[in-house]
C-alpha atoms as a PDB file:
ATOM      1  CA  MET A   1     -83.256 -67.929 -36.500  1.00  0.00           C
ATOM      2  CA  GLY A   2     -83.676 -66.884 -32.882  1.00  0.00           C
ATOM      3  CA  SER A   3     -81.739 -64.274 -31.083  1.00  0.00           C
ATOM      4  CA  ASP A   4     -82.344 -65.946 -27.646  1.00  0.00           C
ATOM      5  CA  VAL A   5     -79.207 -66.410 -25.488  1.00  0.00           C
ATOM      6  CA  GLU A   6     -79.185 -69.615 -23.703  1.00  0.00           C
ATOM      7  CA  LYS A   7     -77.754 -69.467 -20.154  1.00  0.00           C
ATOM      8  CA  SER A   8     -75.102 -71.889 -19.347  1.00  0.00           C
ATOM      9  CA  LYS A   9     -75.952 -74.716 -16.985  1.00  0.00           C
ATOM     10  CA  GLY A  10     -72.690 -74.458 -14.860  1.00  0.00           C
ATOM     11  CA  ASP A  11     -72.673 -72.602 -11.536  1.00  0.00           C
ATOM     12  CA  GLY A  12     -69.366 -70.729 -12.249  1.00  0.00           C
ATOM     13  CA  LEU A  13     -66.177 -71.049 -10.227  1.00  0.00           C
ATOM     14  CA  HIS A  14     -66.279 -72.865  -6.889  1.00  0.00           C
ATOM     15  CA  LEU A  15     -64.062 -72.273  -3.978  1.00  0.00           C
ATOM     16  CA  ALA A  16     -61.921 -75.217  -4.879  1.00  0.00           C
ATOM     17  CA  ASP A  17     -61.411 -73.842  -8.317  1.00  0.00           C
ATOM     18  CA  GLY A  18     -60.222 -70.458  -6.950  1.00  0.00           C
ATOM     19  CA  VAL A  19     -57.855 -72.193  -4.492  1.00  0.00           C
ATOM     20  CA  ILE A  20     -56.459 -74.302  -7.356  1.00  0.00           C
ATOM     21  CA  LEU A  21     -55.967 -71.279  -9.523  1.00  0.00           C
ATOM     22  CA  VAL A  22     -54.192 -69.428  -6.820  1.00  0.00           C
ATOM     23  CA  ALA A  23     -51.920 -72.353  -6.022  1.00  0.00           C
ATOM     24  CA  VAL A  24     -51.024 -72.792  -9.661  1.00  0.00           C
ATOM     25  CA  GLY A  25     -50.253 -69.096  -9.962  1.00  0.00           C
ATOM     26  CA  VAL A  26     -48.113 -69.146  -6.875  1.00  0.00           C
ATOM     27  CA  VAL A  27     -46.188 -72.301  -7.983  1.00  0.00           C
ATOM     28  CA  GLY A  28     -45.735 -70.732 -11.525  1.00  0.00           C
ATOM     29  CA  VAL A  29     -44.259 -67.590  -9.984  1.00  0.00           C
ATOM     30  CA  LEU A  30     -41.828 -69.473  -7.783  1.00  0.00           C
ATOM     31  CA  VAL A  31     -40.770 -71.740 -10.674  1.00  0.00           C
ATOM     32  CA  ALA A  32     -40.251 -68.670 -12.855  1.00  0.00           C
ATOM     33  CA  PHE A  33     -38.101 -66.947 -10.196  1.00  0.00           C
ATOM     34  CA  TRP A  34     -36.070 -70.154  -9.726  1.00  0.00           C
ATOM     35  CA  VAL A  35     -35.500 -70.516 -13.426  1.00  0.00           C
ATOM     36  CA  LEU A  36     -34.609 -66.817 -13.851  1.00  0.00           C
ATOM     37  CA  GLY A  37     -32.359 -66.909 -10.855  1.00  0.00           C
ATOM     38  CA  ALA A  38     -30.466 -70.073 -12.154  1.00  0.00           C
ATOM     39  CA  LEU A  39     -30.139 -68.358 -15.662  1.00  0.00           C
ATOM     40  CA  ALA A  40     -28.862 -65.193 -14.075  1.00  0.00           C
ATOM     41  CA  SER A  41     -26.431 -67.102 -12.004  1.00  0.00           C
ATOM     42  CA  PHE A  42     -25.196 -69.033 -15.146  1.00  0.00           C
ATOM     43  CA  VAL A  43     -24.792 -65.843 -17.100  1.00  0.00           C
ATOM     44  CA  TRP A  44     -22.959 -64.000 -14.323  1.00  0.00           C
ATOM     45  CA  GLY A  45     -20.629 -67.001 -13.877  1.00  0.00           C
ATOM     46  CA  PHE A  46     -19.905 -66.987 -17.570  1.00  0.00           C
ATOM     47  CA  VAL A  47     -19.171 -63.196 -17.505  1.00  0.00           C
ATOM     48  CA  LYS A  48     -16.799 -63.778 -14.604  1.00  0.00           C
ATOM     49  CA  PHE A  49     -14.996 -66.590 -16.460  1.00  0.00           C
ATOM     50  CA  VAL A  50     -14.562 -64.559 -19.635  1.00  0.00           C
ATOM     51  CA  PHE A  51     -13.307 -61.631 -17.504  1.00  0.00           C
ATOM     52  CA  ILE A  52     -10.707 -63.809 -15.843  1.00  0.00           C
ATOM     53  CA  VAL A  53      -9.568 -65.342 -19.070  1.00  0.00           C
ATOM     54  CA  ALA A  54      -9.197 -61.856 -20.605  1.00  0.00           C
ATOM     55  CA  LEU A  55      -7.037 -60.730 -17.572  1.00  0.00           C
ATOM     56  CA  VAL A  56      -4.853 -63.707 -17.860  1.00  0.00           C
ATOM     57  CA  ALA A  57      -4.457 -63.309 -21.635  1.00  0.00           C
ATOM     58  CA  GLY A  58      -3.640 -59.633 -21.205  1.00  0.00           C
ATOM     59  CA  ALA A  59      -1.055 -60.402 -18.469  1.00  0.00           C
ATOM     60  CA  VAL A  60       0.544 -63.006 -20.681  1.00  0.00           C
ATOM     61  CA  THR A  61       0.549 -60.725 -23.637  1.00  0.00           C
ATOM     62  CA  LEU A  62       2.324 -57.947 -21.613  1.00  0.00           C
ATOM     63  CA  LEU A  63       4.900 -60.409 -20.184  1.00  0.00           C
ATOM     64  CA  MET A  64       5.701 -61.797 -23.707  1.00  0.00           C
ATOM     65  CA  ARG A  65       5.995 -58.252 -25.043  1.00  0.00           C
ATOM     66  CA  ARG A  66       8.366 -57.259 -22.297  1.00  0.00           C
ATOM     67  CA  ARG A  67      10.496 -60.316 -22.770  1.00  0.00           C
ATOM     68  CA  ARG A  68      10.945 -59.724 -26.527  1.00  0.00           C
ATOM     69  CA  SER A  69      12.283 -56.197 -25.893  1.00  0.00           C
END
């Protein structure tokens, strides 16, 4: 059993590999921001909808209570 470490035959990363890695990283960041922005927009729209429904329900409740008395 030998303890010799064999060097790999590859040359390592080339310039094109680095450019591709950077491009994929930039595209990944842009897609992540787009998805997170869309998700945040959806959640904010839902919160506004629930708030408006709660306001209308509260107003109707107050009007019905006032009519009964």
